[in-house]
PDB file of N, CA and C in Angstrom:
ATOM      1  N   MET A   1      15.955  13.633  23.550  1.00  0.00           N
ATOM      2  CA  MET A   1      15.904  14.383  22.398  1.00  0.00           C
ATOM      3  C   MET A   1      16.717  14.881  21.820  1.00  0.00           C
ATOM      4  N   ARG A   2      18.227  15.597  22.479  1.00  0.00           N
ATOM      5  CA  ARG A   2      19.330  15.642  22.913  1.00  0.00           C
ATOM      6  C   ARG A   2      20.031  15.123  22.098  1.00  0.00           C
ATOM      7  N   MET A   3      20.381  13.187  23.050  1.00  0.00           N
ATOM      8  CA  MET A   3      21.245  12.507  22.127  1.00  0.00           C
ATOM      9  C   MET A   3      21.063  11.678  21.314  1.00  0.00           C
ATOM     10  N   PHE A   4      19.663  12.003  20.464  1.00  0.00           N
ATOM     11  CA  PHE A   4      19.086  11.678  19.338  1.00  0.00           C
ATOM     12  C   PHE A   4      19.850  11.951  18.469  1.00  0.00           C
ATOM     13  N   VAL A   5      19.525  13.777  18.180  1.00  0.00           N
ATOM     14  CA  VAL A   5      19.600  15.247  17.268  1.00  0.00           C
ATOM     15  C   VAL A   5      21.612  14.545  17.181  1.00  0.00           C
ATOM     16  N   GLY A   6      22.622  14.505  19.104  1.00  0.00           N
ATOM     17  CA  GLY A   6      23.345  13.963  18.061  1.00  0.00           C
ATOM     18  C   GLY A   6      24.172  13.014  17.558  1.00  0.00           C
ATOM     19  N   MET A   7      23.190  11.987  17.982  1.00  0.00           N
ATOM     20  CA  MET A   7      23.607  10.938  16.773  1.00  0.00           C
ATOM     21  C   MET A   7      23.434  11.437  15.683  1.00  0.00           C
ATOM     22  N   ILE A   8      22.728  11.716  14.909  1.00  0.00           N
ATOM     23  CA  ILE A   8      22.478  12.286  13.916  1.00  0.00           C
ATOM     24  C   ILE A   8      23.410  12.576  13.218  1.00  0.00           C
ATOM     25  N   LEU A   9      23.571  14.149  14.129  1.00  0.00           N
ATOM     26  CA  LEU A   9      24.578  14.770  14.037  1.00  0.00           C
ATOM     27  C   LEU A   9      26.003  13.727  13.623  1.00  0.00           C
ATOM     28  N   GLY A  10      26.289  13.254  14.581  1.00  0.00           N
ATOM     29  CA  GLY A  10      27.470  12.329  14.297  1.00  0.00           C
ATOM     30  C   GLY A  10      27.366  11.468  12.916  1.00  0.00           C
ATOM     31  N   ALA A  11      26.492  11.332  12.720  1.00  0.00           N
ATOM     32  CA  ALA A  11      26.338  10.211  11.391  1.00  0.00           C
ATOM     33  C   ALA A  11      26.772  11.513  10.039  1.00  0.00           C
ATOM     34  N   LEU A  12      26.244  12.696  10.252  1.00  0.00           N
ATOM     35  CA  LEU A  12      25.973  13.450   9.673  1.00  0.00           C
ATOM     36  C   LEU A  12      27.700  14.190   9.070  1.00  0.00           C
ATOM     37  N   MET A  13      28.308  13.791  10.941  1.00  0.00           N
ATOM     38  CA  MET A  13      29.553  14.301  10.511  1.00  0.00           C
ATOM     39  C   MET A  13      30.394  13.458  10.068  1.00  0.00           C
ATOM     40  N   LEU A  14      30.257  11.867  10.205  1.00  0.00           N
ATOM     41  CA  LEU A  14      31.270  10.921   9.707  1.00  0.00           C
ATOM     42  C   LEU A  14      31.168  11.248   8.757  1.00  0.00           C
ATOM     43  N   THR A  15      30.460  11.129   7.525  1.00  0.00           N
ATOM     44  CA  THR A  15      29.779  10.370   6.264  1.00  0.00           C
ATOM     45  C   THR A  15      30.243  11.995   6.004  1.00  0.00           C
ATOM     46  N   LEU A  16      30.457  12.990   5.933  1.00  0.00           N
ATOM     47  CA  LEU A  16      31.466  14.123   4.940  1.00  0.00           C
ATOM     48  C   LEU A  16      32.653  13.997   5.227  1.00  0.00           C
ATOM     49  N   GLY A  17      33.123  13.237   6.825  1.00  0.00           N
ATOM     50  CA  GLY A  17      34.535  13.256   6.423  1.00  0.00           C
ATOM     51  C   GLY A  17      35.220  12.039   5.925  1.00  0.00           C
ATOM     52  N   VAL A  18      34.256  11.330   5.324  1.00  0.00           N
ATOM     53  CA  VAL A  18      34.408  10.150   4.228  1.00  0.00           C
ATOM     54  C   VAL A  18      34.265  10.848   3.010  1.00  0.00           C
ATOM     55  N   TYR A  19      33.600  11.559   2.916  1.00  0.00           N
ATOM     56  CA  TYR A  19      33.553  11.470   1.588  1.00  0.00           C
ATOM     57  C   TYR A  19      34.466  13.132   1.396  1.00  0.00           C
ATOM     58  N   ILE A  20      35.214  13.732   2.108  1.00  0.00           N
ATOM     59  CA  ILE A  20      36.166  14.562   1.833  1.00  0.00           C
ATOM     60  C   ILE A  20      37.497  14.227   1.780  1.00  0.00           C
ATOM     61  N   TYR A  21      37.543  12.841   2.875  1.00  0.00           N
ATOM     62  CA  TYR A  21      38.841  12.027   2.813  1.00  0.00           C
ATOM     63  C   TYR A  21      38.878  11.274   0.538  1.00  0.00           C
ATOM     64  N   ASP A  22      37.630  10.709   1.088  1.00  0.00           N
ATOM     65  CA  ASP A  22      37.867  10.422  -0.129  1.00  0.00           C
ATOM     66  C   ASP A  22      37.811  11.115  -1.493  1.00  0.00           C
ATOM     67  N   SER A  23      37.486  12.112  -1.552  1.00  0.00           N
ATOM     68  CA  SER A  23      37.157  12.682  -2.630  1.00  0.00           C
ATOM     69  C   SER A  23      38.781  13.126  -2.436  1.00  0.00           C
ATOM     70  N   MET A  24      39.859  13.655  -1.073  1.00  0.00           N
ATOM     71  CA  MET A  24      41.219  14.029  -1.400  1.00  0.00           C
ATOM     72  C   MET A  24      42.464  12.884  -1.836  1.00  0.00           C
ATOM     73  N   SER A  25      41.506  11.602  -2.145  1.00  0.00           N
ATOM     74  CA  SER A  25      42.376  10.330  -2.151  1.00  0.00           C
ATOM     75  C   SER A  25      42.369  10.230  -3.829  1.00  0.00           C
ATOM     76  N   THR A  26      41.728  10.656  -4.441  1.00  0.00           N
ATOM     77  CA  THR A  26      40.701  10.253  -6.132  1.00  0.00           C
ATOM     78  C   THR A  26      41.276  11.597  -6.426  1.00  0.00           C
ATOM     79  N   SER A  27      41.594  12.644  -6.286  1.00  0.00           N
ATOM     80  CA  SER A  27      41.858  13.721  -6.897  1.00  0.00           C
ATOM     81  C   SER A  27      42.856  13.789  -7.560  1.00  0.00           C
ATOM     82  N   SER A  28      42.616  14.129  -9.131  1.00  0.00           N
ATOM     83  CA  SER A  28      44.108  14.741  -9.639  1.00  0.00           C
ATOM     84  C   SER A  28      45.512  15.388  -9.014  1.00  0.00           C
ATOM     85  N   VAL A  29      44.552  16.822  -8.107  1.00  0.00           N
ATOM     86  CA  VAL A  29      45.859  17.425  -7.533  1.00  0.00           C
ATOM     87  C   VAL A  29      46.294  16.672  -6.423  1.00  0.00           C
ATOM     88  N   ALA A  30      45.617  15.527  -5.550  1.00  0.00           N
ATOM     89  CA  ALA A  30      46.042  15.210  -4.701  1.00  0.00           C
ATOM     90  C   ALA A  30      46.853  14.342  -4.621  1.00  0.00           C
ATOM     91  N   ASN A  31      46.382  13.225  -6.435  1.00  0.00           N
ATOM     92  CA  ASN A  31      47.897  12.274  -6.569  1.00  0.00           C
ATOM     93  C   ASN A  31      48.376  13.157  -7.517  1.00  0.00           C
ATOM     94  N   GLY A  32      49.843  13.136  -7.638  1.00  0.00           N
ATOM     95  CA  GLY A  32      50.816  13.968  -8.058  1.00  0.00           C
ATOM     96  C   GLY A  32      51.285  12.607  -8.584  1.00  0.00           C
ATOM     97  N   GLN A  33      52.447  13.503  -9.540  1.00  0.00           N
ATOM     98  CA  GLN A  33      53.898  12.040  -9.771  1.00  0.00           C
ATOM     99  C   GLN A  33      53.950  10.739  -8.671  1.00  0.00           C
ATOM    100  N   VAL A  34      54.433  10.868  -7.849  1.00  0.00           N
ATOM    101  CA  VAL A  34      54.990  10.304  -6.448  1.00  0.00           C
ATOM    102  C   VAL A  34      54.330   9.635  -5.348  1.00  0.00           C
ATOM    103  N   ALA A  35      53.017   9.893  -6.020  1.00  0.00           N
ATOM    104  CA  ALA A  35      51.489   9.824  -5.087  1.00  0.00           C
ATOM    105  C   ALA A  35      51.558   8.632  -4.785  1.00  0.00           C
ATOM    106  N   GLN A  36      51.131   7.606  -3.788  1.00  0.00           N
ATOM    107  CA  GLN A  36      50.821   6.064  -3.740  1.00  0.00           C
ATOM    108  C   GLN A  36      49.209   5.642  -4.110  1.00  0.00           C
ATOM    109  N   GLU A  37      49.129   5.014  -4.935  1.00  0.00           N
ATOM    110  CA  GLU A  37      47.704   4.523  -5.381  1.00  0.00           C
ATOM    111  C   GLU A  37      47.020   3.891  -3.894  1.00  0.00           C
ATOM    112  N   ARG A  38      46.058   4.882  -3.669  1.00  0.00           N
ATOM    113  CA  ARG A  38      45.473   4.624  -2.820  1.00  0.00           C
ATOM    114  C   ARG A  38      43.440   4.081  -2.974  1.00  0.00           C
ATOM    115  N   ARG A  39      43.035   3.348  -2.071  1.00  0.00           N
ATOM    116  CA  ARG A  39      41.616   3.072  -2.348  1.00  0.00           C
ATOM    117  C   ARG A  39      40.602   3.629  -1.768  1.00  0.00           C
ATOM    118  N   THR A  40      39.564   3.979  -2.418  1.00  0.00           N
ATOM    119  CA  THR A  40      39.095   4.938  -1.514  1.00  0.00           C
ATOM    120  C   THR A  40      37.955   3.807  -0.370  1.00  0.00           C
ATOM    121  N   ILE A  41      37.143   4.659   0.752  1.00  0.00           N
ATOM    122  CA  ILE A  41      36.853   4.104   2.236  1.00  0.00           C
ATOM    123  C   ILE A  41      34.728   3.162   1.473  1.00  0.00           C
ATOM    124  N   VAL A  42      34.764   4.400   0.472  1.00  0.00           N
ATOM    125  CA  VAL A  42      33.443   3.972   0.011  1.00  0.00           C
ATOM    126  C   VAL A  42      32.926   4.346  -1.518  1.00  0.00           C
ATOM    127  N   ASN A  43      33.078   2.737  -1.441  1.00  0.00           N
ATOM    128  CA  ASN A  43      31.935   3.558  -2.945  1.00  0.00           C
ATOM    129  C   ASN A  43      31.369   3.778  -3.733  1.00  0.00           C
ATOM    130  N   TRP A  44      31.374   5.017  -3.379  1.00  0.00           N
ATOM    131  CA  TRP A  44      30.035   6.076  -3.855  1.00  0.00           C
ATOM    132  C   TRP A  44      29.048   6.019  -5.360  1.00  0.00           C
ATOM    133  N   ASP A  45      29.547   5.244  -6.117  1.00  0.00           N
ATOM    134  CA  ASP A  45      28.482   5.037  -6.652  1.00  0.00           C
ATOM    135  C   ASP A  45      27.739   4.157  -6.445  1.00  0.00           C
ATOM    136  N   VAL A  46      28.481   3.041  -5.643  1.00  0.00           N
ATOM    137  CA  VAL A  46      27.220   1.910  -5.197  1.00  0.00           C
ATOM    138  C   VAL A  46      26.425   2.408  -3.723  1.00  0.00           C
ATOM    139  N   ALA A  47      26.975   3.610  -3.219  1.00  0.00           N
ATOM    140  CA  ALA A  47      25.987   4.047  -1.955  1.00  0.00           C
ATOM    141  C   ALA A  47      24.994   4.973  -2.826  1.00  0.00           C
ATOM    142  N   ALA A  48      25.030   5.312  -3.723  1.00  0.00           N
ATOM    143  CA  ALA A  48      24.488   5.913  -4.738  1.00  0.00           C
ATOM    144  C   ALA A  48      22.785   5.510  -5.052  1.00  0.00           C
ATOM    145  N   THR A  49      23.861   4.144  -5.458  1.00  0.00           N
ATOM    146  CA  THR A  49      22.350   3.402  -5.785  1.00  0.00           C
ATOM    147  C   THR A  49      21.845   2.818  -5.073  1.00  0.00           C
ATOM    148  N   GLU A  50      22.104   2.121  -4.024  1.00  0.00           N
ATOM    149  CA  GLU A  50      21.621   1.495  -2.999  1.00  0.00           C
ATOM    150  C   GLU A  50      20.652   2.871  -2.026  1.00  0.00           C
ATOM    151  N   TRP A  51      20.950   3.882  -2.193  1.00  0.00           N
ATOM    152  CA  TRP A  51      20.109   5.134  -1.561  1.00  0.00           C
ATOM    153  C   TRP A  51      18.798   5.243  -2.533  1.00  0.00           C
ATOM    154  N   SER A  52      19.276   5.415  -3.787  1.00  0.00           N
ATOM    155  CA  SER A  52      17.851   5.269  -4.395  1.00  0.00           C
ATOM    156  C   SER A  52      17.006   4.279  -4.483  1.00  0.00           C
ATOM    157  N   ALA A  53      17.717   3.201  -4.398  1.00  0.00           N
ATOM    158  CA  ALA A  53      17.212   1.702  -4.074  1.00  0.00           C
ATOM    159  C   ALA A  53      16.108   2.016  -3.226  1.00  0.00           C
ATOM    160  N   LEU A  54      16.752   2.224  -1.856  1.00  0.00           N
ATOM    161  CA  LEU A  54      16.076   2.841  -0.633  1.00  0.00           C
ATOM    162  C   LEU A  54      14.428   3.643  -0.821  1.00  0.00           C
ATOM    163  N   LYS A  55      14.985   4.868  -1.404  1.00  0.00           N
ATOM    164  CA  LYS A  55      14.048   6.269  -1.572  1.00  0.00           C
ATOM    165  C   LYS A  55      12.919   5.212  -2.495  1.00  0.00           C
ATOM    166  N   THR A  56      13.432   4.729  -3.714  1.00  0.00           N
ATOM    167  CA  THR A  56      12.187   3.752  -4.644  1.00  0.00           C
ATOM    168  C   THR A  56      11.146   3.272  -3.434  1.00  0.00           C
ATOM    169  N   ARG A  57      11.836   2.482  -3.094  1.00  0.00           N
ATOM    170  CA  ARG A  57      11.185   1.318  -1.707  1.00  0.00           C
ATOM    171  C   ARG A  57      10.242   1.885  -0.804  1.00  0.00           C
ATOM    172  N   THR A  58      10.558   3.010  -0.137  1.00  0.00           N
ATOM    173  CA  THR A  58       9.921   3.739   0.976  1.00  0.00           C
ATOM    174  C   THR A  58       8.629   4.294   0.294  1.00  0.00           C
ATOM    175  N   GLN A  59       8.808   5.033  -0.780  1.00  0.00           N
ATOM    176  CA  GLN A  59       7.660   5.867  -1.607  1.00  0.00           C
ATOM    177  C   GLN A  59       6.575   4.670  -1.710  1.00  0.00           C
ATOM    178  N   LYS A  60       7.298   3.432  -2.283  1.00  0.00           N
ATOM    179  CA  LYS A  60       6.162   2.304  -2.696  1.00  0.00           C
ATOM    180  C   LYS A  60       5.494   1.716  -1.516  1.00  0.00           C
ATOM    181  N   ASP A  61       6.353   1.584  -0.098  1.00  0.00           N
ATOM    182  CA  ASP A  61       5.565   1.186   1.015  1.00  0.00           C
ATOM    183  C   ASP A  61       5.129   1.821   1.490  1.00  0.00           C
ATOM    184  N   TRP A  62       5.162   3.337   0.920  1.00  0.00           N
ATOM    185  CA  TRP A  62       3.875   4.424   2.057  1.00  0.00           C
ATOM    186  C   TRP A  62       2.648   4.439   1.246  1.00  0.00           C
ATOM    187  N   ILE A  63       2.960   4.350  -0.047  1.00  0.00           N
ATOM    188  CA  ILE A  63       1.507   4.330  -0.966  1.00  0.00           C
ATOM    189  C   ILE A  63       0.659   3.527  -0.482  1.00  0.00           C
ATOM    190  N   LYS A  64       1.289   2.127  -0.141  1.00  0.00           N
ATOM    191  CA  LYS A  64       0.446   0.842   0.193  1.00  0.00           C
ATOM    192  C   LYS A  64       0.591   0.977   1.525  1.00  0.00           C
ATOM    193  N   LEU A  65       0.765   2.043   2.225  1.00  0.00           N
ATOM    194  CA  LEU A  65       0.424   2.359   3.715  1.00  0.00           C
ATOM    195  C   LEU A  65      -0.894   2.882   3.051  1.00  0.00           C
ATOM    196  N   THR A  66      -0.726   4.027   2.778  1.00  0.00           N
ATOM    197  CA  THR A  66      -1.748   5.035   3.272  1.00  0.00           C
ATOM    198  C   THR A  66      -2.964   5.366   1.730  1.00  0.00           C
ATOM    199  N   GLU A  67      -3.142   4.406   1.031  1.00  0.00           N
ATOM    200  CA  GLU A  67      -4.493   4.126   0.188  1.00  0.00           C
ATOM    201  C   GLU A  67      -5.653   3.552   0.187  1.00  0.00           C
ATOM    202  N   LYS A  68      -5.540   2.643   1.932  1.00  0.00           N
ATOM    203  CA  LYS A  68      -6.829   1.922   2.233  1.00  0.00           C
ATOM    204  C   LYS A  68      -7.467   3.253   3.604  1.00  0.00           C
TER     205      LYS A  68
END
């Protein structure tokens, strides 16, 4: 059980770290006149779309499973 919780916590910490890194690299404060152009690690618009599609598909499948 501890290993499972540790894996979930590790995945959440990794996601948070990548989000913070990406928000700092695209921030207008972090990007001054002399800052280099940096690309984000994750395309957050695509990730949000995929997450929404996964939730919708899961809800539809759950309804199919519980109907009978």
